[in-house]
Amino acid sequence: MYAVRLFSVRHSRGFERLYNMLESSLVMMAPLLKRIGYQRLEKPVAAVERVVKGFLFDCQMCGQCALSSTGMSCPMNCPKNLRNGPCGGVRENGHCEVKPEMKCVWVQAWAGAAQMKKGTAILDVQKPVDNRLKGHSSWLRVVREKTEPPPPPPGSKPKAPAVKPAAAATTPPASAA
């Protein structure tokens, strides 16, 4: 698995192209996905995603995939679960301080990002992991984010629908006699 993960980082440009094709295909299918129901699709899509991304990237299924921003190196493989860069303990040879036999996830991420067309995305600050999404499909989440309006913030009151004024009763003009 580790060797495949390193292969994926070395070929991050090709995987970036594949990811962009998959994302645009899923976004085009959004009306169908919505009609079927995201809840119905969650388990089967997450199962496929777990197998594919687990094999290729040693994905931990956090539900908030950052592979396209981190050079195809899953930051959740960091023993410290750091999502925005390496810790201060990266060894001189680029290996992890916690697991010395493993290359630092973030050293790999920078190498992979350097090959990618949108490699500067590694500079974007990632939000903290929402553990409620663990095990859920990030593919479906991305489709929903790109095609549906964002949900209202927690605690906000829903807006009342705009009421259209009733059409004024019109009477035909009085004819001059």
Protein backbone atom coordinates (compact mmCIF):
# COMPACT_ATOMS: atom_id res chain seq x y z
CA MET A 1 0.00 0.00 0.00
CA TYR A 2 2.81 2.41 0.93
CA ALA A 3 4.56 1.83 -2.41
CA VAL A 4 1.33 2.62 -4.30
CA ARG A 5 0.91 5.81 -2.23
CA LEU A 6 4.41 6.93 -3.25
CA PHE A 7 3.64 6.04 -6.89
CA SER A 8 0.50 8.21 -6.75
CA VAL A 9 2.49 11.19 -5.49
CA ARG A 10 5.15 10.70 -8.19
CA HIS A 11 2.37 10.72 -10.80
CA SER A 12 0.28 13.45 -9.22
CA ARG A 13 -0.15 15.39 -12.48
CA GLY A 14 -1.88 12.44 -14.13
CA PHE A 15 -4.04 11.82 -11.09
CA GLU A 16 -4.96 15.51 -11.05
CA ARG A 17 -6.29 15.13 -14.60
CA LEU A 18 -8.25 12.00 -13.66
CA TYR A 19 -9.70 13.72 -10.60
CA ASN A 20 -10.79 16.74 -12.64
CA MET A 21 -12.51 14.45 -15.16
CA LEU A 22 -14.25 12.51 -12.38
CA GLU A 23 -15.36 15.69 -10.64
CA SER A 24 -16.76 17.28 -13.80
CA SER A 25 -18.57 14.02 -14.68
CA LEU A 26 -20.14 13.81 -11.24
CA VAL A 27 -21.17 17.48 -11.34
CA MET A 28 -22.84 16.90 -14.72
CA MET A 29 -24.70 13.97 -13.16
CA ALA A 30 -25.83 16.09 -10.18
CA PRO A 31 -29.51 16.27 -11.23
CA LEU A 32 -29.64 12.47 -11.50
CA LEU A 33 -27.77 12.02 -8.21
CA LYS A 34 -30.18 14.40 -6.49
CA ARG A 35 -33.17 12.60 -7.96
CA ILE A 36 -31.91 9.22 -6.75
CA GLY A 37 -31.10 10.79 -3.39
CA TYR A 38 -27.73 11.50 -1.83
CA GLN A 39 -28.68 9.49 1.27
CA ARG A 40 -29.38 6.42 -0.87
CA LEU A 41 -26.11 6.85 -2.74
CA GLU A 42 -23.93 7.53 0.29
CA LYS A 43 -23.10 3.92 1.26
CA PRO A 44 -22.40 2.50 -2.22
CA VAL A 45 -20.44 5.56 -3.38
CA ALA A 46 -18.44 5.67 -0.13
CA ALA A 47 -17.65 1.96 -0.54
CA VAL A 48 -16.30 2.50 -4.07
CA GLU A 49 -14.42 5.61 -2.94
CA ARG A 50 -12.89 3.70 -0.01
CA VAL A 51 -11.57 0.96 -2.30
CA VAL A 52 -10.25 3.24 -5.06
CA LYS A 53 -8.75 5.97 -2.91
CA GLY A 54 -7.65 3.52 -0.23
CA PHE A 55 -5.59 1.58 -2.76
CA LEU A 56 -4.16 4.55 -4.65
CA PHE A 57 -3.61 7.08 -1.87
CA ASP A 58 -3.95 5.11 1.39
CA CYS A 59 -6.99 7.33 1.96
CA GLN A 60 -8.35 7.41 5.51
CA MET A 61 -11.89 8.45 4.39
CA CYS A 62 -12.06 11.62 6.46
CA GLY A 63 -14.93 12.86 4.27
CA GLN A 64 -13.10 16.12 3.52
CA CYS A 65 -10.60 15.06 0.89
CA ALA A 66 -7.65 17.37 0.33
CA LEU A 67 -5.75 15.19 -2.17
CA SER A 68 -6.18 17.68 -5.01
CA SER A 69 -4.61 20.34 -2.77
CA THR A 70 -1.85 18.24 -1.25
CA GLY A 71 -0.06 16.73 -4.22
CA MET A 72 -2.12 13.52 -4.00
CA SER A 73 -0.62 12.80 -0.57
CA CYS A 74 -3.34 12.19 2.02
CA PRO A 75 -2.58 14.40 5.03
CA MET A 76 -4.57 12.04 7.24
CA ASN A 77 -1.66 9.58 6.93
CA CYS A 78 0.39 11.94 9.09
CA PRO A 79 0.63 10.31 12.53
CA LYS A 80 -0.20 13.73 13.99
CA ASN A 81 -3.09 14.30 11.51
CA LEU A 82 -1.65 17.66 10.43
CA ARG A 83 -3.62 19.13 7.53
CA ASN A 84 -1.72 22.34 6.86
CA GLY A 85 1.94 21.43 6.67
CA PRO A 86 4.62 19.44 8.40
CA CYS A 87 5.44 19.50 12.06
CA GLY A 88 8.83 20.66 13.27
CA GLY A 89 10.10 17.11 13.54
CA VAL A 90 10.75 16.18 9.93
CA ARG A 91 14.10 14.39 9.82
CA GLU A 92 16.94 15.58 7.59
CA ASN A 93 16.26 12.72 5.17
CA GLY A 94 12.60 13.82 4.83
CA HIS A 95 11.23 11.02 7.00
CA CYS A 96 8.67 11.26 9.78
CA GLU A 97 9.78 11.78 13.38
CA VAL A 98 7.03 9.48 14.68
CA LYS A 99 7.45 6.73 12.06
CA PRO A 100 11.10 6.96 10.93
CA GLU A 101 10.58 4.30 8.22
CA MET A 102 7.93 6.48 6.52
CA LYS A 103 8.59 9.54 4.38
CA CYS A 104 6.89 12.62 5.81
CA VAL A 105 3.44 13.00 4.27
CA TRP A 106 4.09 16.72 3.81
CA VAL A 107 7.46 16.29 2.14
CA GLN A 108 5.63 14.04 -0.31
CA ALA A 109 2.78 16.55 -0.62
CA TRP A 110 5.14 19.35 -1.64
CA ALA A 111 6.85 17.09 -4.18
CA GLY A 112 3.50 16.05 -5.67
CA ALA A 113 2.10 19.60 -5.68
CA ALA A 114 5.16 20.84 -7.57
CA GLN A 115 4.11 18.64 -10.52
CA MET A 116 0.46 19.62 -10.53
CA LYS A 117 -1.15 22.32 -12.66
CA LYS A 118 -2.97 23.68 -9.59
CA GLY A 119 -0.01 22.98 -7.30
CA THR A 120 -0.31 26.30 -5.50
CA ALA A 121 -3.49 24.97 -3.87
CA ILE A 122 -1.19 23.45 -1.26
CA LEU A 123 -0.89 26.98 0.15
CA ASP A 124 -4.65 27.11 0.89
CA VAL A 125 -5.39 26.65 4.57
CA GLN A 126 -7.45 23.52 5.18
CA LYS A 127 -10.30 23.61 7.68
CA PRO A 128 -10.00 21.37 10.75
CA VAL A 129 -11.32 17.87 10.25
CA ASP A 130 -15.00 17.44 11.05
CA ASN A 131 -14.98 13.92 12.48
CA ARG A 132 -18.73 13.61 11.89
CA LEU A 133 -17.91 13.18 8.18
CA LYS A 134 -15.46 10.29 8.69
CA GLY A 135 -16.36 7.39 6.44
CA HIS A 136 -18.62 9.51 4.22
CA SER A 137 -18.08 10.14 0.53
CA SER A 138 -16.16 13.30 -0.23
CA TRP A 139 -17.10 12.85 -3.91
CA LEU A 140 -20.80 13.35 -3.14
CA ARG A 141 -19.98 16.23 -0.77
CA VAL A 142 -18.05 18.02 -3.54
CA VAL A 143 -20.94 17.57 -5.99
CA ARG A 144 -23.39 19.04 -3.50
CA GLU A 145 -21.08 21.97 -2.70
CA LYS A 146 -20.72 22.80 -6.40
CA THR A 147 -24.39 22.46 -7.33
CA GLU A 148 -26.50 23.40 -4.31
CA PRO A 149 -26.76 26.62 -2.33
CA PRO A 150 -24.96 26.46 1.02
CA PRO A 151 -27.12 25.57 4.01
CA PRO A 152 -27.96 28.36 6.46
CA PRO A 153 -25.55 28.75 9.38
CA PRO A 154 -26.52 26.85 12.53
CA GLY A 155 -28.84 28.82 14.76
CA SER A 156 -30.04 31.16 12.04
CA LYS A 157 -33.72 31.59 11.45
CA PRO A 158 -35.01 30.53 8.05
CA LYS A 159 -36.16 33.39 5.90
CA ALA A 160 -39.86 33.60 5.18
CA PRO A 161 -40.63 33.22 1.50
CA ALA A 162 -41.14 36.48 -0.32
CA VAL A 163 -44.84 37.24 -0.67
CA LYS A 164 -45.86 38.63 -3.99
CA PRO A 165 -48.40 41.45 -3.73
CA ALA A 166 -51.81 40.49 -5.01
CA ALA A 167 -52.54 41.81 -8.46
CA ALA A 168 -54.73 44.87 -8.22
CA ALA A 169 -58.17 44.29 -9.59
CA THR A 170 -58.39 46.25 -12.73
CA THR A 171 -61.62 47.59 -14.05
CA PRO A 172 -61.95 48.56 -17.60
CA PRO A 173 -61.74 52.30 -18.08
CA ALA A 174 -65.08 54.02 -18.20
CA SER A 175 -65.88 54.98 -21.70
CA ALA A 176 -66.68 58.57 -22.30
CA ALA A 177 -70.22 58.96 -23.53
